[in-house]
Amino acid sequence: MEIIKNTLFNSSCFKYFYIFVINKLKMNFKDFDRDVAKEFGMSIKQARKILTYINKDMTHKIVFGHPVTFRDIGTLHTRVRESTKFFNLQEGKNQMTKKSYYLDIRVPDKMKLRLKHKIIY
């Protein structure tokens, strides 16, 4: 089996196919707006405007602490990491860390089950 895998992977046809598939799996804004334009039969400029609006709106909601939900994917929440006490060895005194914010995602059980059996290479 190992010989078949190595032979298949080393063939130039498979390499080009593999590179093509891997590049398609990476998602960035330019590829996404082209896919949206193609799927809904609109120009790339219109798709880019729509996606830019969605991006700005989601960013605004996340910054102001409102959750953003994607059906079957999960919900993005802004979380607060409260300040804590620590001893600064260089100065020799107790100090407080800064309060910080981070983004948390809650994944639904259905997606967890789908990802549990997923094999990633």
PDB file of N, CA and C in Angstrom:
ATOM      1  N   MET A   1       0.834  -1.198   0.000  1.00  0.00           N
ATOM      2  CA  MET A   1       0.000   0.000   0.000  1.00  0.00           C
ATOM      3  C   MET A   1       0.872   1.253   0.000  1.00  0.00           C
ATOM      4  N   GLU A   2       1.974   1.215   0.777  1.00  0.00           N
ATOM      5  CA  GLU A   2       2.856   2.372   0.871  1.00  0.00           C
ATOM      6  C   GLU A   2       3.482   2.692  -0.485  1.00  0.00           C
ATOM      7  N   ILE A   3       3.815   1.652  -1.247  1.00  0.00           N
ATOM      8  CA  ILE A   3       4.419   1.855  -2.577  1.00  0.00           C
ATOM      9  C   ILE A   3       3.415   2.526  -3.504  1.00  0.00           C
ATOM     10  N   ILE A   4       2.160   2.099  -3.440  1.00  0.00           N
ATOM     11  CA  ILE A   4       1.125   2.696  -4.288  1.00  0.00           C
ATOM     12  C   ILE A   4       0.939   4.167  -3.931  1.00  0.00           C
ATOM     13  N   LYS A   5       0.916   4.475  -2.645  1.00  0.00           N
ATOM     14  CA  LYS A   5       0.766   5.872  -2.217  1.00  0.00           C
ATOM     15  C   LYS A   5       1.925   6.722  -2.723  1.00  0.00           C
ATOM     16  N   ASN A   6       3.154   6.230  -2.554  1.00  0.00           N
ATOM     17  CA  ASN A   6       4.324   6.992  -2.987  1.00  0.00           C
ATOM     18  C   ASN A   6       4.341   7.183  -4.488  1.00  0.00           C
ATOM     19  N   THR A   7       3.995   6.133  -5.223  1.00  0.00           N
ATOM     20  CA  THR A   7       3.975   6.226  -6.682  1.00  0.00           C
ATOM     21  C   THR A   7       2.907   7.202  -7.133  1.00  0.00           C
ATOM     22  N   LEU A   8       1.737   7.123  -6.510  1.00  0.00           N
ATOM     23  CA  LEU A   8       0.644   8.022  -6.872  1.00  0.00           C
ATOM     24  C   LEU A   8       1.004   9.464  -6.545  1.00  0.00           C
ATOM     25  N   PHE A   9       1.598   9.676  -5.372  1.00  0.00           N
ATOM     26  CA  PHE A   9       1.929  11.033  -4.972  1.00  0.00           C
ATOM     27  C   PHE A   9       3.064  11.595  -5.818  1.00  0.00           C
ATOM     28  N   ASN A  10       3.987  10.749  -6.235  1.00  0.00           N
ATOM     29  CA  ASN A  10       5.132  11.230  -7.005  1.00  0.00           C
ATOM     30  C   ASN A  10       4.803  11.455  -8.478  1.00  0.00           C
ATOM     31  N   SER A  11       3.683  10.962  -8.945  1.00  0.00           N
ATOM     32  CA  SER A  11       3.330  11.211 -10.346  1.00  0.00           C
ATOM     33  C   SER A  11       2.990  12.689 -10.515  1.00  0.00           C
ATOM     34  N   SER A  12       3.442  13.263 -11.618  1.00  0.00           N
ATOM     35  CA  SER A  12       3.277  14.705 -11.824  1.00  0.00           C
ATOM     36  C   SER A  12       1.806  15.089 -11.947  1.00  0.00           C
ATOM     37  N   CYS A  13       0.989  14.226 -12.527  1.00  0.00           N
ATOM     38  CA  CYS A  13      -0.433  14.512 -12.688  1.00  0.00           C
ATOM     39  C   CYS A  13      -1.087  14.678 -11.315  1.00  0.00           C
ATOM     40  N   PHE A  14      -0.772  13.766 -10.407  1.00  0.00           N
ATOM     41  CA  PHE A  14      -1.346  13.831  -9.074  1.00  0.00           C
ATOM     42  C   PHE A  14      -0.869  15.070  -8.338  1.00  0.00           C
ATOM     43  N   LYS A  15       0.398  15.445  -8.498  1.00  0.00           N
ATOM     44  CA  LYS A  15       0.925  16.634  -7.825  1.00  0.00           C
ATOM     45  C   LYS A  15       0.157  17.877  -8.241  1.00  0.00           C
ATOM     46  N   TYR A  16      -0.063  18.028  -9.556  1.00  0.00           N
ATOM     47  CA  TYR A  16      -0.789  19.206 -10.029  1.00  0.00           C
ATOM     48  C   TYR A  16      -2.229  19.209  -9.522  1.00  0.00           C
ATOM     49  N   PHE A  17      -2.856  18.035  -9.524  1.00  0.00           N
ATOM     50  CA  PHE A  17      -4.224  17.935  -9.015  1.00  0.00           C
ATOM     51  C   PHE A  17      -4.253  18.277  -7.523  1.00  0.00           C
ATOM     52  N   TYR A  18      -3.307  17.749  -6.757  1.00  0.00           N
ATOM     53  CA  TYR A  18      -3.234  17.993  -5.326  1.00  0.00           C
ATOM     54  C   TYR A  18      -3.044  19.485  -5.041  1.00  0.00           C
ATOM     55  N   ILE A  19      -2.134  20.129  -5.762  1.00  0.00           N
ATOM     56  CA  ILE A  19      -1.890  21.562  -5.582  1.00  0.00           C
ATOM     57  C   ILE A  19      -3.145  22.355  -5.924  1.00  0.00           C
ATOM     58  N   PHE A  20      -3.852  21.966  -7.000  1.00  0.00           N
ATOM     59  CA  PHE A  20      -5.082  22.649  -7.398  1.00  0.00           C
ATOM     60  C   PHE A  20      -6.143  22.540  -6.296  1.00  0.00           C
ATOM     61  N   VAL A  21      -6.324  21.334  -5.761  1.00  0.00           N
ATOM     62  CA  VAL A  21      -7.337  21.114  -4.730  1.00  0.00           C
ATOM     63  C   VAL A  21      -6.991  21.872  -3.458  1.00  0.00           C
ATOM     64  N   ILE A  22      -5.733  21.809  -3.033  1.00  0.00           N
ATOM     65  CA  ILE A  22      -5.321  22.502  -1.816  1.00  0.00           C
ATOM     66  C   ILE A  22      -5.520  24.006  -1.975  1.00  0.00           C
ATOM     67  N   ASN A  23      -5.175  24.560  -3.140  1.00  0.00           N
ATOM     68  CA  ASN A  23      -5.355  25.998  -3.361  1.00  0.00           C
ATOM     69  C   ASN A  23      -6.825  26.378  -3.358  1.00  0.00           C
ATOM     70  N   LYS A  24      -7.707  25.509  -3.828  1.00  0.00           N
ATOM     71  CA  LYS A  24      -9.138  25.802  -3.822  1.00  0.00           C
ATOM     72  C   LYS A  24      -9.710  25.742  -2.413  1.00  0.00           C
ATOM     73  N   LEU A  25      -9.101  24.925  -1.537  1.00  0.00           N
ATOM     74  CA  LEU A  25      -9.615  24.803  -0.181  1.00  0.00           C
ATOM     75  C   LEU A  25      -9.273  26.016   0.674  1.00  0.00           C
ATOM     76  N   LYS A  26      -8.201  26.714   0.338  1.00  0.00           N
ATOM     77  CA  LYS A  26      -7.854  27.918   1.072  1.00  0.00           C
ATOM     78  C   LYS A  26      -8.851  28.996   0.685  1.00  0.00           C
ATOM     79  N   MET A  27      -9.438  29.660   1.667  1.00  0.00           N
ATOM     80  CA  MET A  27     -10.432  30.661   1.336  1.00  0.00           C
ATOM     81  C   MET A  27      -9.895  32.042   1.666  1.00  0.00           C
ATOM     82  N   ASN A  28      -9.927  32.901   0.682  1.00  0.00           N
ATOM     83  CA  ASN A  28      -9.623  34.302   0.925  1.00  0.00           C
ATOM     84  C   ASN A  28     -10.708  35.128   0.249  1.00  0.00           C
ATOM     85  N   PHE A  29     -10.655  36.419   0.459  1.00  0.00           N
ATOM     86  CA  PHE A  29     -11.748  37.289   0.016  1.00  0.00           C
ATOM     87  C   PHE A  29     -11.907  37.294  -1.500  1.00  0.00           C
ATOM     88  N   LYS A  30     -10.785  37.336  -2.250  1.00  0.00           N
ATOM     89  CA  LYS A  30     -10.884  37.406  -3.711  1.00  0.00           C
ATOM     90  C   LYS A  30     -11.542  36.166  -4.289  1.00  0.00           C
ATOM     91  N   ASP A  31     -11.143  34.994  -3.804  1.00  0.00           N
ATOM     92  CA  ASP A  31     -11.750  33.763  -4.304  1.00  0.00           C
ATOM     93  C   ASP A  31     -13.221  33.681  -3.904  1.00  0.00           C
ATOM     94  N   PHE A  32     -13.510  34.112  -2.691  1.00  0.00           N
ATOM     95  CA  PHE A  32     -14.878  34.018  -2.193  1.00  0.00           C
ATOM     96  C   PHE A  32     -15.806  34.929  -2.984  1.00  0.00           C
ATOM     97  N   ASP A  33     -15.381  36.157  -3.276  1.00  0.00           N
ATOM     98  CA  ASP A  33     -16.277  37.046  -4.020  1.00  0.00           C
ATOM     99  C   ASP A  33     -16.472  36.567  -5.456  1.00  0.00           C
ATOM    100  N   ARG A  34     -15.464  35.953  -6.034  1.00  0.00           N
ATOM    101  CA  ARG A  34     -15.633  35.367  -7.380  1.00  0.00           C
ATOM    102  C   ARG A  34     -16.628  34.214  -7.360  1.00  0.00           C
ATOM    103  N   ASP A  35     -16.516  33.368  -6.319  1.00  0.00           N
ATOM    104  CA  ASP A  35     -17.447  32.240  -6.202  1.00  0.00           C
ATOM    105  C   ASP A  35     -18.875  32.723  -5.998  1.00  0.00           C
ATOM    106  N   VAL A  36     -19.057  33.751  -5.176  1.00  0.00           N
ATOM    107  CA  VAL A  36     -20.401  34.300  -4.938  1.00  0.00           C
ATOM    108  C   VAL A  36     -20.948  34.895  -6.226  1.00  0.00           C
ATOM    109  N   ALA A  37     -20.126  35.639  -6.953  1.00  0.00           N
ATOM    110  CA  ALA A  37     -20.576  36.244  -8.207  1.00  0.00           C
ATOM    111  C   ALA A  37     -20.979  35.173  -9.216  1.00  0.00           C
ATOM    112  N   LYS A  38     -20.200  34.137  -9.289  1.00  0.00           N
ATOM    113  CA  LYS A  38     -20.496  33.049 -10.234  1.00  0.00           C
ATOM    114  C   LYS A  38     -21.768  32.302  -9.827  1.00  0.00           C
ATOM    115  N   GLU A  39     -21.919  32.039  -8.534  1.00  0.00           N
ATOM    116  CA  GLU A  39     -23.071  31.279  -8.036  1.00  0.00           C
ATOM    117  C   GLU A  39     -24.386  32.019  -8.247  1.00  0.00           C
ATOM    118  N   PHE A  40     -24.397  33.335  -8.039  1.00  0.00           N
ATOM    119  CA  PHE A  40     -25.647  34.088  -8.108  1.00  0.00           C
ATOM    120  C   PHE A  40     -25.797  34.908  -9.382  1.00  0.00           C
ATOM    121  N   GLY A  41     -24.875  34.761 -10.315  1.00  0.00           N
ATOM    122  CA  GLY A  41     -24.998  35.421 -11.601  1.00  0.00           C
ATOM    123  C   GLY A  41     -24.922  36.934 -11.530  1.00  0.00           C
ATOM    124  N   MET A  42     -23.992  37.452 -10.755  1.00  0.00           N
ATOM    125  CA  MET A  42     -23.815  38.895 -10.659  1.00  0.00           C
ATOM    126  C   MET A  42     -22.361  39.227 -10.964  1.00  0.00           C
ATOM    127  N   SER A  43     -22.090  40.504 -11.078  1.00  0.00           N
ATOM    128  CA  SER A  43     -20.712  40.896 -11.360  1.00  0.00           C
ATOM    129  C   SER A  43     -19.870  40.760 -10.093  1.00  0.00           C
ATOM    130  N   ILE A  44     -18.568  40.661 -10.281  1.00  0.00           N
ATOM    131  CA  ILE A  44     -17.654  40.542  -9.147  1.00  0.00           C
ATOM    132  C   ILE A  44     -17.713  41.808  -8.299  1.00  0.00           C
ATOM    133  N   LYS A  45     -17.902  42.956  -8.951  1.00  0.00           N
ATOM    134  CA  LYS A  45     -17.975  44.228  -8.233  1.00  0.00           C
ATOM    135  C   LYS A  45     -19.177  44.244  -7.279  1.00  0.00           C
ATOM    136  N   GLN A  46     -20.336  43.771  -7.758  1.00  0.00           N
ATOM    137  CA  GLN A  46     -21.532  43.705  -6.907  1.00  0.00           C
ATOM    138  C   GLN A  46     -21.323  42.727  -5.748  1.00  0.00           C
ATOM    139  N   ALA A  47     -20.753  41.564  -6.045  1.00  0.00           N
ATOM    140  CA  ALA A  47     -20.506  40.565  -4.998  1.00  0.00           C
ATOM    141  C   ALA A  47     -19.543  41.119  -3.959  1.00  0.00           C
ATOM    142  N   ARG A  48     -18.527  41.839  -4.402  1.00  0.00           N
ATOM    143  CA  ARG A  48     -17.548  42.420  -3.477  1.00  0.00           C
ATOM    144  C   ARG A  48     -18.203  43.455  -2.568  1.00  0.00           C
ATOM    145  N   LYS A  49     -19.124  44.274  -3.136  1.00  0.00           N
ATOM    146  CA  LYS A  49     -19.839  45.271  -2.323  1.00  0.00           C
ATOM    147  C   LYS A  49     -20.683  44.593  -1.246  1.00  0.00           C
ATOM    148  N   ILE A  50     -21.398  43.548  -1.628  1.00  0.00           N
ATOM    149  CA  ILE A  50     -22.249  42.825  -0.679  1.00  0.00           C
ATOM    150  C   ILE A  50     -21.405  42.200   0.425  1.00  0.00           C
ATOM    151  N   LEU A  51     -20.315  41.540   0.051  1.00  0.00           N
ATOM    152  CA  LEU A  51     -19.469  40.877   1.042  1.00  0.00           C
ATOM    153  C   LEU A  51     -18.755  41.890   1.940  1.00  0.00           C
ATOM    154  N   THR A  52     -18.390  43.040   1.389  1.00  0.00           N
ATOM    155  CA  THR A  52     -17.773  44.089   2.200  1.00  0.00           C
ATOM    156  C   THR A  52     -18.762  44.610   3.233  1.00  0.00           C
ATOM    157  N   TYR A  53     -20.012  44.791   2.828  1.00  0.00           N
ATOM    158  CA  TYR A  53     -21.050  45.226   3.765  1.00  0.00           C
ATOM    159  C   TYR A  53     -21.242  44.193   4.885  1.00  0.00           C
ATOM    160  N   ILE A  54     -21.313  42.925   4.516  1.00  0.00           N
ATOM    161  CA  ILE A  54     -21.489  41.867   5.510  1.00  0.00           C
ATOM    162  C   ILE A  54     -20.304  41.843   6.474  1.00  0.00           C
ATOM    163  N   ASN A  55     -19.106  41.977   5.924  1.00  0.00           N
ATOM    164  CA  ASN A  55     -17.896  41.979   6.753  1.00  0.00           C
ATOM    165  C   ASN A  55     -17.908  43.144   7.743  1.00  0.00           C
ATOM    166  N   LYS A  56     -18.244  44.344   7.268  1.00  0.00           N
ATOM    167  CA  LYS A  56     -18.295  45.515   8.150  1.00  0.00           C
ATOM    168  C   LYS A  56     -19.357  45.351   9.230  1.00  0.00           C
ATOM    169  N   ASP A  57     -20.522  44.837   8.853  1.00  0.00           N
ATOM    170  CA  ASP A  57     -21.604  44.660   9.802  1.00  0.00           C
ATOM    171  C   ASP A  57     -21.244  43.634  10.875  1.00  0.00           C
ATOM    172  N   MET A  58     -20.651  42.510  10.462  1.00  0.00           N
ATOM    173  CA  MET A  58     -20.244  41.493  11.432  1.00  0.00           C
ATOM    174  C   MET A  58     -19.159  42.035  12.354  1.00  0.00           C
ATOM    175  N   THR A  59     -18.197  42.767  11.804  1.00  0.00           N
ATOM    176  CA  THR A  59     -17.135  43.351  12.617  1.00  0.00           C
ATOM    177  C   THR A  59     -17.712  44.318  13.640  1.00  0.00           C
ATOM    178  N   HIS A  60     -18.663  45.153  13.206  1.00  0.00           N
ATOM    179  CA  HIS A  60     -19.311  46.114  14.102  1.00  0.00           C
ATOM    180  C   HIS A  60     -20.025  45.393  15.240  1.00  0.00           C
ATOM    181  N   LYS A  61     -20.759  44.333  14.920  1.00  0.00           N
ATOM    182  CA  LYS A  61     -21.488  43.587  15.944  1.00  0.00           C
ATOM    183  C   LYS A  61     -20.534  42.916  16.930  1.00  0.00           C
ATOM    184  N   ILE A  62     -19.445  42.328  16.430  1.00  0.00           N
ATOM    185  CA  ILE A  62     -18.490  41.651  17.309  1.00  0.00           C
ATOM    186  C   ILE A  62     -17.797  42.645  18.226  1.00  0.00           C
ATOM    187  N   VAL A  63     -17.398  43.801  17.679  1.00  0.00           N
ATOM    188  CA  VAL A  63     -16.698  44.813  18.483  1.00  0.00           C
ATOM    189  C   VAL A  63     -17.583  45.321  19.615  1.00  0.00           C
ATOM    190  N   PHE A  64     -18.880  45.456  19.371  1.00  0.00           N
ATOM    191  CA  PHE A  64     -19.787  45.962  20.400  1.00  0.00           C
ATOM    192  C   PHE A  64     -20.418  44.853  21.245  1.00  0.00           C
ATOM    193  N   GLY A  65     -19.908  43.631  21.128  1.00  0.00           N
ATOM    194  CA  GLY A  65     -20.297  42.554  22.029  1.00  0.00           C
ATOM    195  C   GLY A  65     -21.517  41.761  21.646  1.00  0.00           C
ATOM    196  N   HIS A  66     -22.053  41.949  20.450  1.00  0.00           N
ATOM    197  CA  HIS A  66     -23.203  41.167  20.014  1.00  0.00           C
ATOM    198  C   HIS A  66     -22.725  39.878  19.353  1.00  0.00           C
ATOM    199  N   PRO A  67     -23.353  38.742  19.657  1.00  0.00           N
ATOM    200  CA  PRO A  67     -22.927  37.493  19.024  1.00  0.00           C
ATOM    201  C   PRO A  67     -23.311  37.448  17.548  1.00  0.00           C
ATOM    202  N   VAL A  68     -22.486  36.791  16.755  1.00  0.00           N
ATOM    203  CA  VAL A  68     -22.750  36.590  15.327  1.00  0.00           C
ATOM    204  C   VAL A  68     -22.881  35.091  15.117  1.00  0.00           C
ATOM    205  N   THR A  69     -24.018  34.650  14.571  1.00  0.00           N
ATOM    206  CA  THR A  69     -24.300  33.233  14.430  1.00  0.00           C
ATOM    207  C   THR A  69     -24.285  32.819  12.965  1.00  0.00           C
ATOM    208  N   PHE A  70     -23.584  31.720  12.695  1.00  0.00           N
ATOM    209  CA  PHE A  70     -23.592  31.085  11.378  1.00  0.00           C
ATOM    210  C   PHE A  70     -24.280  29.743  11.558  1.00  0.00           C
ATOM    211  N   ARG A  71     -25.377  29.553  10.826  1.00  0.00           N
ATOM    212  CA  ARG A  71     -26.142  28.325  10.972  1.00  0.00           C
ATOM    213  C   ARG A  71     -25.265  27.120  10.655  1.00  0.00           C
ATOM    214  N   ASP A  72     -25.314  26.102  11.484  1.00  0.00           N
ATOM    215  CA  ASP A  72     -24.576  24.842  11.375  1.00  0.00           C
ATOM    216  C   ASP A  72     -23.061  24.994  11.541  1.00  0.00           C
ATOM    217  N   ILE A  73     -22.548  26.191  11.760  1.00  0.00           N
ATOM    218  CA  ILE A  73     -21.106  26.373  11.955  1.00  0.00           C
ATOM    219  C   ILE A  73     -20.800  26.758  13.390  1.00  0.00           C
ATOM    220  N   GLY A  74     -21.483  27.769  13.899  1.00  0.00           N
ATOM    221  CA  GLY A  74     -21.245  28.177  15.271  1.00  0.00           C
ATOM    222  C   GLY A  74     -21.583  29.631  15.508  1.00  0.00           C
ATOM    223  N   THR A  75     -21.346  30.075  16.722  1.00  0.00           N
ATOM    224  CA  THR A  75     -21.634  31.447  17.129  1.00  0.00           C
ATOM    225  C   THR A  75     -20.359  32.090  17.643  1.00  0.00           C
ATOM    226  N   LEU A  76     -20.052  33.281  17.136  1.00  0.00           N
ATOM    227  CA  LEU A  76     -18.893  34.046  17.584  1.00  0.00           C
ATOM    228  C   LEU A  76     -19.314  34.974  18.715  1.00  0.00           C
ATOM    229  N   HIS A  77     -18.593  34.912  19.822  1.00  0.00           N
ATOM    230  CA  HIS A  77     -18.859  35.752  20.982  1.00  0.00           C
ATOM    231  C   HIS A  77     -17.596  36.527  21.333  1.00  0.00           C
ATOM    232  N   THR A  78     -17.774  37.746  21.807  1.00  0.00           N
ATOM    233  CA  THR A  78     -16.656  38.497  22.358  1.00  0.00           C
ATOM    234  C   THR A  78     -16.598  38.195  23.844  1.00  0.00           C
ATOM    235  N   ARG A  79     -15.455  37.735  24.304  1.00  0.00           N
ATOM    236  CA  ARG A  79     -15.276  37.389  25.710  1.00  0.00           C
ATOM    237  C   ARG A  79     -14.316  38.368  26.360  1.00  0.00           C
ATOM    238  N   VAL A  80     -14.416  38.479  27.664  1.00  0.00           N
ATOM    239  CA  VAL A  80     -13.556  39.381  28.435  1.00  0.00           C
ATOM    240  C   VAL A  80     -12.651  38.541  29.325  1.00  0.00           C
ATOM    241  N   ARG A  81     -11.381  38.805  29.259  1.00  0.00           N
ATOM    242  CA  ARG A  81     -10.433  38.192  30.184  1.00  0.00           C
ATOM    243  C   ARG A  81     -10.116  39.256  31.228  1.00  0.00           C
ATOM    244  N   GLU A  82     -10.634  39.048  32.427  1.00  0.00           N
ATOM    245  CA  GLU A  82     -10.496  40.050  33.484  1.00  0.00           C
ATOM    246  C   GLU A  82      -9.035  40.201  33.899  1.00  0.00           C
ATOM    247  N   SER A  83      -8.728  41.357  34.474  1.00  0.00           N
ATOM    248  CA  SER A  83      -7.371  41.591  34.947  1.00  0.00           C
ATOM    249  C   SER A  83      -7.093  40.735  36.170  1.00  0.00           C
ATOM    250  N   THR A  84      -5.861  40.275  36.294  1.00  0.00           N
ATOM    251  CA  THR A  84      -5.465  39.442  37.426  1.00  0.00           C
ATOM    252  C   THR A  84      -4.201  40.013  38.071  1.00  0.00           C
ATOM    253  N   LYS A  85      -3.994  39.628  39.310  1.00  0.00           N
ATOM    254  CA  LYS A  85      -2.808  40.059  40.037  1.00  0.00           C
ATOM    255  C   LYS A  85      -1.631  39.159  39.680  1.00  0.00           C
ATOM    256  N   PHE A  86      -0.452  39.743  39.598  1.00  0.00           N
ATOM    257  CA  PHE A  86       0.753  38.946  39.450  1.00  0.00           C
ATOM    258  C   PHE A  86       1.909  39.692  40.100  1.00  0.00           C
ATOM    259  N   PHE A  87       2.950  38.948  40.431  1.00  0.00           N
ATOM    260  CA  PHE A  87       4.119  39.540  41.070  1.00  0.00           C
ATOM    261  C   PHE A  87       5.177  39.782  40.006  1.00  0.00           C
ATOM    262  N   ASN A  88       5.542  41.039  39.806  1.00  0.00           N
ATOM    263  CA  ASN A  88       6.564  41.409  38.842  1.00  0.00           C
ATOM    264  C   ASN A  88       7.930  41.253  39.501  1.00  0.00           C
ATOM    265  N   LEU A  89       8.722  40.286  39.023  1.00  0.00           N
ATOM    266  CA  LEU A  89      10.014  39.998  39.622  1.00  0.00           C
ATOM    267  C   LEU A  89      11.024  41.121  39.380  1.00  0.00           C
ATOM    268  N   GLN A  90      10.948  41.785  38.251  1.00  0.00           N
ATOM    269  CA  GLN A  90      11.912  42.842  37.946  1.00  0.00           C
ATOM    270  C   GLN A  90      11.731  44.055  38.862  1.00  0.00           C
ATOM    271  N   GLU A  91      10.482  44.395  39.122  1.00  0.00           N
ATOM    272  CA  GLU A  91      10.217  45.561  39.970  1.00  0.00           C
ATOM    273  C   GLU A  91      10.007  45.187  41.428  1.00  0.00           C
ATOM    274  N   GLY A  92       9.752  43.905  41.684  1.00  0.00           N
ATOM    275  CA  GLY A  92       9.587  43.441  43.050  1.00  0.00           C
ATOM    276  C   GLY A  92       8.287  43.853  43.706  1.00  0.00           C
ATOM    277  N   LYS A  93       7.222  44.007  42.932  1.00  0.00           N
ATOM    278  CA  LYS A  93       5.932  44.371  43.527  1.00  0.00           C
ATOM    279  C   LYS A  93       4.770  43.728  42.766  1.00  0.00           C
ATOM    280  N   ASN A  94       3.623  43.696  43.426  1.00  0.00           N
ATOM    281  CA  ASN A  94       2.420  43.141  42.806  1.00  0.00           C
ATOM    282  C   ASN A  94       1.857  44.132  41.794  1.00  0.00           C
ATOM    283  N   GLN A  95       1.390  43.599  40.671  1.00  0.00           N
ATOM    284  CA  GLN A  95       0.778  44.424  39.636  1.00  0.00           C
ATOM    285  C   GLN A  95      -0.462  43.721  39.102  1.00  0.00           C
ATOM    286  N   MET A  96      -1.217  44.448  38.323  1.00  0.00           N
ATOM    287  CA  MET A  96      -2.423  43.893  37.694  1.00  0.00           C
ATOM    288  C   MET A  96      -2.202  43.811  36.181  1.00  0.00           C
ATOM    289  N   THR A  97      -2.669  42.721  35.580  1.00  0.00           N
ATOM    290  CA  THR A  97      -2.618  42.620  34.120  1.00  0.00           C
ATOM    291  C   THR A  97      -3.726  43.475  33.545  1.00  0.00           C
ATOM    292  N   LYS A  98      -3.633  43.765  32.273  1.00  0.00           N
ATOM    293  CA  LYS A  98      -4.678  44.544  31.608  1.00  0.00           C
ATOM    294  C   LYS A  98      -5.880  43.657  31.309  1.00  0.00           C
ATOM    295  N   LYS A  99      -7.032  44.252  31.340  1.00  0.00           N
ATOM    296  CA  LYS A  99      -8.255  43.576  30.907  1.00  0.00           C
ATOM    297  C   LYS A  99      -8.149  43.397  29.395  1.00  0.00           C
ATOM    298  N   SER A 100      -8.448  42.199  28.889  1.00  0.00           N
ATOM    299  CA  SER A 100      -8.322  41.973  27.452  1.00  0.00           C
ATOM    300  C   SER A 100      -9.573  41.288  26.913  1.00  0.00           C
ATOM    301  N   TYR A 101      -9.767  41.420  25.642  1.00  0.00           N
ATOM    302  CA  TYR A 101     -10.921  40.838  24.959  1.00  0.00           C
ATOM    303  C   TYR A 101     -10.428  39.829  23.939  1.00  0.00           C
ATOM    304  N   TYR A 102     -11.197  38.775  23.770  1.00  0.00           N
ATOM    305  CA  TYR A 102     -10.856  37.778  22.766  1.00  0.00           C
ATOM    306  C   TYR A 102     -12.132  37.235  22.139  1.00  0.00           C
ATOM    307  N   LEU A 103     -11.961  36.599  21.003  1.00  0.00           N
ATOM    308  CA  LEU A 103     -13.093  36.058  20.252  1.00  0.00           C
ATOM    309  C   LEU A 103     -13.222  34.572  20.543  1.00  0.00           C
ATOM    310  N   ASP A 104     -14.416  34.141  20.860  1.00  0.00           N
ATOM    311  CA  ASP A 104     -14.689  32.743  21.192  1.00  0.00           C
ATOM    312  C   ASP A 104     -15.755  32.230  20.235  1.00  0.00           C
ATOM    313  N   ILE A 105     -15.656  30.970  19.857  1.00  0.00           N
ATOM    314  CA  ILE A 105     -16.675  30.383  18.989  1.00  0.00           C
ATOM    315  C   ILE A 105     -17.291  29.185  19.709  1.00  0.00           C
ATOM    316  N   ARG A 106     -18.602  29.144  19.669  1.00  0.00           N
ATOM    317  CA  ARG A 106     -19.341  27.997  20.202  1.00  0.00           C
ATOM    318  C   ARG A 106     -19.823  27.189  19.011  1.00  0.00           C
ATOM    319  N   VAL A 107     -19.406  25.952  18.964  1.00  0.00           N
ATOM    320  CA  VAL A 107     -19.746  25.074  17.846  1.00  0.00           C
ATOM    321  C   VAL A 107     -20.918  24.189  18.258  1.00  0.00           C
ATOM    322  N   PRO A 108     -21.957  24.077  17.400  1.00  0.00           N
ATOM    323  CA  PRO A 108     -23.094  23.226  17.752  1.00  0.00           C
ATOM    324  C   PRO A 108     -22.714  21.742  17.757  1.00  0.00           C
ATOM    325  N   ASP A 109     -23.499  20.951  18.478  1.00  0.00           N
ATOM    326  CA  ASP A 109     -23.215  19.528  18.617  1.00  0.00           C
ATOM    327  C   ASP A 109     -23.193  18.808  17.269  1.00  0.00           C
ATOM    328  N   LYS A 110     -24.065  19.231  16.354  1.00  0.00           N
ATOM    329  CA  LYS A 110     -24.115  18.598  15.036  1.00  0.00           C
ATOM    330  C   LYS A 110     -22.778  18.752  14.305  1.00  0.00           C
ATOM    331  N   MET A 111     -22.174  19.938  14.394  1.00  0.00           N
ATOM    332  CA  MET A 111     -20.891  20.181  13.752  1.00  0.00           C
ATOM    333  C   MET A 111     -19.778  19.431  14.478  1.00  0.00           C
ATOM    334  N   LYS A 112     -19.864  19.344  15.798  1.00  0.00           N
ATOM    335  CA  LYS A 112     -18.854  18.601  16.557  1.00  0.00           C
ATOM    336  C   LYS A 112     -18.834  17.138  16.129  1.00  0.00           C
ATOM    337  N   LEU A 113     -20.021  16.560  15.927  1.00  0.00           N
ATOM    338  CA  LEU A 113     -20.089  15.169  15.480  1.00  0.00           C
ATOM    339  C   LEU A 113     -19.512  15.004  14.075  1.00  0.00           C
ATOM    340  N   ARG A 114     -19.783  15.981  13.205  1.00  0.00           N
ATOM    341  CA  ARG A 114     -19.234  15.911  11.836  1.00  0.00           C
ATOM    342  C   ARG A 114     -17.718  16.010  11.851  1.00  0.00           C
ATOM    343  N   LEU A 115     -17.181  16.868  12.711  1.00  0.00           N
ATOM    344  CA  LEU A 115     -15.736  17.059  12.765  1.00  0.00           C
ATOM    345  C   LEU A 115     -15.019  15.953  13.522  1.00  0.00           C
ATOM    346  N   LYS A 116     -15.745  15.247  14.368  1.00  0.00           N
ATOM    347  CA  LYS A 116     -15.137  14.185  15.169  1.00  0.00           C
ATOM    348  C   LYS A 116     -14.580  13.083  14.283  1.00  0.00           C
ATOM    349  N   HIS A 117     -15.267  12.780  13.201  1.00  0.00           N
ATOM    350  CA  HIS A 117     -14.853  11.670  12.321  1.00  0.00           C
ATOM    351  C   HIS A 117     -14.120  12.156  11.079  1.00  0.00           C
ATOM    352  N   LYS A 118     -13.789  13.452  11.046  1.00  0.00           N
ATOM    353  CA  LYS A 118     -13.100  14.023   9.889  1.00  0.00           C
ATOM    354  C   LYS A 118     -11.609  13.746  10.000  1.00  0.00           C
ATOM    355  N   ILE A 119     -11.013  13.347   8.884  1.00  0.00           N
ATOM    356  CA  ILE A 119      -9.575  13.105   8.837  1.00  0.00           C
ATOM    357  C   ILE A 119      -8.952  14.247   8.068  1.00  0.00           C
ATOM    358  N   ILE A 120      -7.973  14.904   8.690  1.00  0.00           N
ATOM    359  CA  ILE A 120      -7.308  16.030   8.053  1.00  0.00           C
ATOM    360  C   ILE A 120      -5.874  15.631   7.755  1.00  0.00           C
ATOM    361  N   TYR A 121      -5.461  15.857   6.533  1.00  0.00           N
ATOM    362  CA  TYR A 121      -4.100  15.520   6.117  1.00  0.00           C
ATOM    363  C   TYR A 121      -3.264  16.749   6.015  1.00  0.00           C
TER     364      TYR A 121
END
